[in-house]
Protein backbone atom coordinates (compact mmCIF):
# COMPACT_ATOMS: atom_id res chain seq x y z
CA MET A 1 129.23 37.63 51.98
CA THR A 2 126.28 38.44 54.33
CA SER A 3 126.91 41.37 56.74
CA ASN A 4 125.85 41.23 60.33
CA ARG A 5 124.82 44.37 62.36
CA ALA A 6 125.09 43.89 66.11
CA TRP A 7 124.94 46.11 69.25
CA THR A 8 127.54 45.38 71.74
CA LEU A 9 127.80 46.78 75.41
CA ALA A 10 130.19 49.43 75.41
CA SER A 11 129.94 50.39 79.15
CA TYR A 12 127.93 50.00 82.08
CA PRO A 13 125.33 52.68 82.80
CA THR A 14 125.34 54.63 85.98
CA GLY A 15 121.90 55.68 86.60
CA ALA A 16 119.66 56.03 83.46
CA VAL A 17 120.83 54.02 80.33
CA THR A 18 122.09 55.93 77.40
CA GLU A 19 122.95 55.22 73.98
CA GLU A 20 126.48 56.06 74.60
CA ASN A 21 126.41 52.55 76.57
CA PHE A 22 126.20 50.48 73.33
CA ARG A 23 128.22 50.47 70.14
CA LEU A 24 126.85 49.38 66.84
CA VAL A 25 129.45 47.07 65.02
CA GLU A 26 129.20 45.24 61.53
CA SER A 27 131.09 41.96 60.57
CA PRO A 28 130.32 39.01 58.33
CA ALA A 29 127.29 36.82 59.33
CA PRO A 30 128.41 33.68 61.57
CA ALA A 31 128.39 30.28 60.06
CA PRO A 32 126.71 27.40 62.26
CA LYS A 33 128.62 24.84 63.80
CA ASP A 34 127.19 21.28 64.32
CA GLY A 35 124.23 21.44 66.38
CA GLU A 36 123.68 25.09 65.52
CA VAL A 37 121.15 26.91 63.39
CA LEU A 38 121.83 30.35 61.77
CA VAL A 39 118.84 32.45 62.23
CA LYS A 40 117.92 35.75 60.38
CA ASN A 41 116.14 37.84 63.02
CA LEU A 42 113.19 39.62 62.01
CA TRP A 43 111.86 41.01 65.34
CA LEU A 44 113.73 41.87 68.56
CA SER A 45 112.04 42.04 71.80
CA LEU A 46 112.72 44.70 74.35
CA ASP A 47 112.07 44.11 77.90
CA PRO A 48 112.70 45.48 81.44
CA TYR A 49 114.80 42.73 82.63
CA MET A 50 117.57 43.87 80.13
CA ARG A 51 118.43 46.84 82.59
CA GLY A 52 119.30 44.15 85.20
CA ARG A 53 121.70 42.69 82.46
CA LEU A 54 123.55 45.92 82.11
CA SER A 55 125.18 45.48 85.51
CA GLN A 56 127.77 43.61 87.34
CA GLN A 57 125.51 43.09 90.27
CA LYS A 58 124.28 39.67 91.44
CA SER A 59 121.35 38.66 89.65
CA TYR A 60 119.28 35.41 88.60
CA VAL A 61 121.28 35.19 85.34
CA LYS A 62 124.92 36.63 84.38
CA GLY A 63 125.04 40.29 82.92
CA VAL A 64 126.45 41.21 79.64
CA GLU A 65 130.11 41.79 79.54
CA ILE A 66 131.78 44.93 78.02
CA GLY A 67 132.16 44.08 74.25
CA GLU A 68 129.52 41.23 74.06
CA VAL A 69 126.26 41.32 72.08
CA MET A 70 123.56 42.71 74.11
CA THR A 71 121.28 40.12 75.23
CA GLY A 72 117.66 39.65 74.05
CA GLU A 73 115.09 37.39 72.37
CA THR A 74 114.39 37.32 68.56
CA ALA A 75 111.94 35.88 66.15
CA GLY A 76 113.12 35.23 62.69
CA GLU A 77 113.70 32.58 60.12
CA VAL A 78 116.00 29.77 59.75
CA VAL A 79 118.63 30.45 56.99
CA GLU A 80 120.89 27.54 57.72
CA SER A 81 120.63 24.59 59.93
CA LYS A 82 123.17 22.08 61.16
CA HIS A 83 120.52 20.51 63.50
CA PRO A 84 118.39 17.63 62.77
CA LYS A 85 114.96 19.33 63.88
CA PHE A 86 115.36 22.55 61.92
CA LYS A 87 115.35 23.35 58.44
CA PRO A 88 115.79 26.41 56.32
CA GLY A 89 112.46 28.58 56.31
CA ASP A 90 111.57 27.42 59.62
CA LYS A 91 110.05 30.34 61.93
CA VAL A 92 111.65 30.25 65.33
CA THR A 93 112.28 32.26 68.42
CA ALA A 94 115.71 32.26 69.64
CA PRO A 95 118.03 34.06 72.34
CA ALA A 96 120.07 35.70 69.46
CA GLY A 97 120.49 38.96 71.06
CA TRP A 98 120.62 42.53 69.38
CA GLN A 99 121.91 41.56 65.84
CA SER A 100 120.76 40.88 62.50
CA TYR A 101 121.95 37.14 62.34
CA GLY A 102 122.62 34.80 64.97
CA CYS A 103 124.02 31.28 65.52
CA VAL A 104 122.05 29.54 68.09
CA ARG A 105 122.04 26.01 69.33
CA GLY A 106 119.11 24.03 68.30
CA GLU A 107 118.10 23.00 71.63
CA LEU A 108 117.51 26.77 72.70
CA LEU A 109 115.27 27.45 69.41
CA THR A 110 111.58 27.25 69.60
CA ARG A 111 109.61 26.40 66.32
CA VAL A 112 106.45 28.59 66.05
CA ASP A 113 103.16 28.63 64.15
CA ALA A 114 103.17 31.88 62.57
CA ALA A 115 100.53 31.06 59.98
CA ARG A 116 97.61 31.93 62.29
CA VAL A 117 99.08 34.85 64.04
CA PRO A 118 101.80 37.39 63.45
CA LEU A 119 105.12 36.31 64.09
CA SER A 120 105.85 39.09 66.60
CA TYR A 121 103.09 37.60 68.97
CA PHE A 122 105.88 35.12 69.79
CA LEU A 123 107.77 37.65 71.56
CA GLY A 124 104.86 39.17 73.45
CA CYS A 125 101.52 37.56 74.67
CA LEU A 126 102.62 34.06 73.12
CA GLY A 127 106.08 34.39 74.46
CA MET A 128 108.19 35.18 77.65
CA PRO A 129 105.70 37.95 78.91
CA GLY A 130 102.70 35.85 78.29
CA ARG A 131 104.08 32.79 80.14
CA THR A 132 105.37 35.17 82.90
CA ALA A 133 101.70 36.41 83.33
CA TYR A 134 100.38 33.02 83.24
CA PHE A 135 102.54 31.39 85.59
CA GLY A 136 102.97 34.37 87.92
CA LEU A 137 99.23 34.76 88.18
CA LYS A 138 98.28 31.09 88.06
CA GLU A 139 101.13 29.40 90.58
CA ILE A 140 101.77 32.50 92.71
CA GLY A 141 98.72 34.35 92.79
CA VAL A 142 96.31 31.22 92.75
CA PRO A 143 93.26 33.72 91.97
CA LYS A 144 89.91 32.41 93.00
CA ALA A 145 86.61 33.30 90.84
CA GLY A 146 85.16 36.45 92.48
CA GLU A 147 88.48 37.98 93.84
CA THR A 148 90.13 40.98 93.06
CA VAL A 149 93.37 41.17 91.11
CA VAL A 150 95.33 44.27 90.71
CA VAL A 151 98.13 44.58 88.30
CA SER A 152 100.81 47.50 87.65
CA ALA A 153 102.01 48.61 84.23
CA ALA A 154 98.41 47.28 83.04
CA SER A 155 98.82 48.32 79.43
CA GLY A 156 102.53 46.70 79.02
CA ALA A 157 103.16 43.07 77.59
CA VAL A 158 102.97 41.59 81.07
CA GLY A 159 100.36 43.38 82.91
CA SER A 160 97.77 43.40 79.88
CA VAL A 161 98.05 39.53 79.92
CA VAL A 162 97.71 39.40 83.63
CA GLY A 163 94.35 41.54 83.68
CA GLN A 164 92.97 39.59 80.82
CA LEU A 165 93.38 36.16 82.32
CA ALA A 166 92.27 37.43 85.57
CA LYS A 167 89.00 38.14 83.71
CA ALA A 168 88.92 34.73 82.01
CA TRP A 169 89.36 33.16 85.26
CA GLY A 170 86.42 34.85 86.71
CA CYS A 171 87.94 37.64 88.77
CA ARG A 172 87.56 41.27 89.00
CA ALA A 173 90.65 43.13 87.48
CA VAL A 174 92.00 46.32 88.42
CA GLY A 175 94.82 48.01 86.45
CA ILE A 176 97.42 50.83 87.42
CA ALA A 177 98.97 52.73 84.39
CA GLY A 178 100.63 55.98 83.61
CA GLY A 179 98.05 58.32 81.79
CA LYS A 180 94.28 58.52 80.76
CA GLU A 181 95.10 56.91 77.43
CA LYS A 182 96.62 53.72 78.82
CA CYS A 183 94.05 53.51 81.61
CA ASP A 184 91.08 53.95 79.04
CA TYR A 185 92.80 51.32 76.88
CA THR A 186 92.82 48.69 79.61
CA VAL A 187 89.11 49.17 80.37
CA LYS A 188 87.62 49.72 77.05
CA GLU A 189 89.86 47.43 74.88
CA LEU A 190 91.16 44.77 77.19
CA GLY A 191 87.95 44.43 79.61
CA PHE A 192 89.47 45.59 82.82
CA ASP A 193 86.91 46.45 85.52
CA ALA A 194 88.75 49.78 86.41
CA CYS A 195 92.24 51.25 86.03
CA VAL A 196 94.01 53.68 88.20
CA ASP A 197 96.21 56.59 86.67
CA TYR A 198 99.26 56.63 89.09
CA LYS A 199 100.16 60.11 87.31
CA ALA A 200 96.76 61.67 88.59
CA GLY A 201 98.29 62.65 92.06
CA ASN A 202 95.64 60.71 94.09
CA LEU A 203 97.06 57.29 93.88
CA TYR A 204 95.88 55.67 97.17
CA ARG A 205 92.49 57.35 97.35
CA ASP A 206 91.90 56.10 93.69
CA LEU A 207 93.23 52.64 94.34
CA LYS A 208 91.11 52.33 97.31
CA GLU A 209 87.99 53.53 95.20
CA ALA A 210 88.58 51.15 92.46
CA CYS A 211 89.14 48.34 94.98
CA PRO A 212 86.09 48.79 97.56
CA LYS A 213 86.83 45.19 98.94
CA GLY A 214 90.52 45.30 98.92
CA ALA A 215 92.98 43.28 96.64
CA ASP A 216 93.43 39.74 97.14
CA VAL A 217 96.15 39.22 94.59
CA TYR A 218 98.58 42.05 93.33
CA PHE A 219 100.86 41.50 90.44
CA GLU A 220 103.90 43.99 90.97
CA ASN A 221 105.81 45.30 87.97
CA VAL A 222 106.77 48.69 89.17
CA GLY A 223 107.63 48.73 92.80
CA GLY A 224 108.61 51.90 95.03
CA GLU A 225 105.36 54.11 95.94
CA ILE A 226 102.92 52.17 94.09
CA MET A 227 103.92 48.78 95.99
CA ASP A 228 103.69 51.03 99.18
CA ALA A 229 100.22 51.90 98.45
CA MET A 230 99.15 48.46 97.38
CA PHE A 231 100.42 47.03 100.67
CA ARG A 232 97.85 49.17 102.48
CA LEU A 233 95.13 47.62 100.48
CA MET A 234 96.12 43.93 100.61
CA ASN A 235 93.49 41.75 102.20
CA LEU A 236 94.04 38.91 104.68
CA ARG A 237 96.18 36.12 103.41
CA SER A 238 96.38 37.89 99.95
CA ARG A 239 99.31 37.09 97.54
CA MET A 240 101.85 39.28 95.83
CA ILE A 241 103.67 38.51 92.69
CA VAL A 242 106.85 40.58 92.64
CA CYS A 243 107.59 40.45 88.93
CA GLY A 244 109.33 43.57 88.35
CA LEU A 245 110.41 46.85 90.14
CA ILE A 246 110.88 49.25 86.90
CA SER A 247 110.68 52.23 89.17
CA ASP A 248 114.10 51.44 90.69
CA TYR A 249 115.88 50.15 87.58
CA ASN A 250 117.62 53.45 86.87
CA ALA A 251 117.81 54.76 90.41
CA THR A 252 120.99 55.29 92.18
CA GLU A 253 119.31 54.62 95.72
CA PRO A 254 116.48 52.11 95.74
CA TYR A 255 113.02 53.18 97.27
CA GLY A 256 112.66 52.03 100.72
CA VAL A 257 109.27 50.58 101.14
CA LYS A 258 107.64 51.76 104.29
CA MET A 259 104.44 49.36 104.57
CA PHE A 260 106.07 45.98 105.19
CA ARG A 261 104.06 45.75 108.55
CA SER A 262 101.18 44.69 106.36
CA ILE A 263 102.75 41.49 105.25
CA LEU A 264 102.80 40.60 108.96
CA VAL A 265 99.32 41.76 109.83
CA ASN A 266 97.53 40.39 106.79
CA ARG A 267 99.78 37.11 106.55
CA ILE A 268 100.57 38.21 102.89
CA LYS A 269 102.42 35.85 100.70
CA VAL A 270 105.03 37.71 98.74
CA GLN A 271 107.12 35.80 96.05
CA GLY A 272 109.45 36.80 93.25
CA MET A 273 108.60 35.68 90.04
CA ILE A 274 111.23 34.40 87.50
CA VAL A 275 109.59 32.51 84.54
CA PHE A 276 112.36 30.25 83.96
CA ASP A 277 111.36 28.39 87.20
CA TRP A 278 108.49 26.95 85.16
CA HIS A 279 110.62 26.00 81.88
CA GLU A 280 109.42 22.67 81.89
CA ARG A 281 105.81 23.57 81.67
CA TYR A 282 106.12 26.22 78.82
CA ALA A 283 103.98 24.02 76.26
CA GLU A 284 101.27 24.23 79.04
CA ALA A 285 101.03 28.16 79.03
CA ASN A 286 101.97 28.34 75.03
CA LEU A 287 98.98 26.38 74.48
CA ALA A 288 96.44 27.96 76.77
CA LEU A 289 97.51 31.59 75.66
CA PHE A 290 97.20 30.53 71.85
CA ASP A 291 93.82 29.38 72.42
CA LEU A 292 92.79 32.59 74.32
CA VAL A 293 94.26 34.71 71.77
CA LEU A 294 92.62 32.78 68.83
CA ALA A 295 89.43 32.96 70.76
CA GLY A 296 89.90 36.70 70.97
CA ARG A 297 89.97 36.77 74.87
CA ILE A 298 93.45 37.85 74.99
CA LYS A 299 94.02 41.11 72.99
CA TYR A 300 97.47 42.67 72.17
CA ARG A 301 99.22 45.73 71.40
CA GLU A 302 102.78 46.62 70.09
CA SER A 303 105.04 49.53 70.07
CA VAL A 304 107.16 49.20 67.12
CA LEU A 305 110.39 51.13 66.09
CA GLU A 306 111.92 50.19 62.71
CA GLY A 307 115.60 49.35 62.15
CA ILE A 308 118.27 47.83 64.62
CA GLU A 309 119.97 51.22 64.69
CA ASN A 310 116.92 52.31 66.95
CA ALA A 311 117.28 49.29 69.56
CA PRO A 312 119.18 51.55 72.37
CA LYS A 313 116.63 54.20 71.88
CA GLY A 314 113.77 51.77 72.36
CA LEU A 315 115.14 50.14 75.44
CA ILE A 316 115.61 53.77 76.73
CA GLY A 317 111.88 54.79 76.07
CA LEU A 318 110.72 51.46 77.61
CA LEU A 319 112.32 51.97 80.95
CA LYS A 320 110.86 55.78 81.11
CA GLY A 321 107.35 54.15 80.27
CA ARG A 322 107.11 55.66 76.72
CA ASN A 323 105.98 52.34 75.22
CA PHE A 324 102.29 51.30 74.85
CA GLY A 325 102.04 47.66 75.00
CA LYS A 326 104.95 45.41 73.98
CA GLN A 327 107.93 47.05 72.75
CA LEU A 328 109.51 45.85 69.62
CA ILE A 329 112.11 46.56 67.11
CA LYS A 330 111.39 45.53 63.32
CA LEU A 331 114.62 44.34 62.17
CA THR A 332 113.67 44.01 58.44
């Protein structure tokens, strides 16, 4: 009988996530029921939103309960199907969680074309992070050609796509990232016009220099002091997409933003971004992003850890900014 290895939640973290918050369990692989598909997971996506699931606080989705398999999206291969739209051998993405095998209802699966791009891309630039960048920038940011678009966590899975979409749509793209290597990557490899190293100690001065005409669109992935600095640079009737606040995720006391006055003075539109709000239009984003990747206009980088046993370590590193690009676990 095939064995399944799965990470379950052992305890809710207080402050920073630790490996002790998870428990690795082994059991027989599940058998699909009518309407379900058994997927062998080949890749596991790790994403900042997972910190919010390790909590009992109210959020946009229910958190993980103690003893449940940790939530997460996977990319893999159908092993057995009891759903008419899928057959063994199909490559799919699925909300299967941190485990080797998962039974998922067919309507929750997405069949993907892994013949022209790597399967792992469908967890990154062609998956949830790419769609988040696409809809957040297009529908909330509403960028116009010639405007300045700024994005934090610019070398990450979402931020890197935001900047490249801004360039594809005729805008000036400015990134914010941690360290010279990440900043050089966004400019030299991804084509950003500038990138500010928030670790260099001169955040506002460097942002002002990188945005001499201010910022028209800001895609927020970090929050905290970086958000405060950006409020000082936002233009009249600019737009701020609040997609993530990773600087607060492990904090016991959230950062108190000081520059809210800028929203009033500059009539800034500030809107939260949850990609599920556009689920009926996923196909639109998938096609647009796929074409840009094939044309070489969206480039992509992955940080990969081998083996399911490293999933907690990968999430902890991601929340501390140790990843470079999309963080993945290669399961086999």
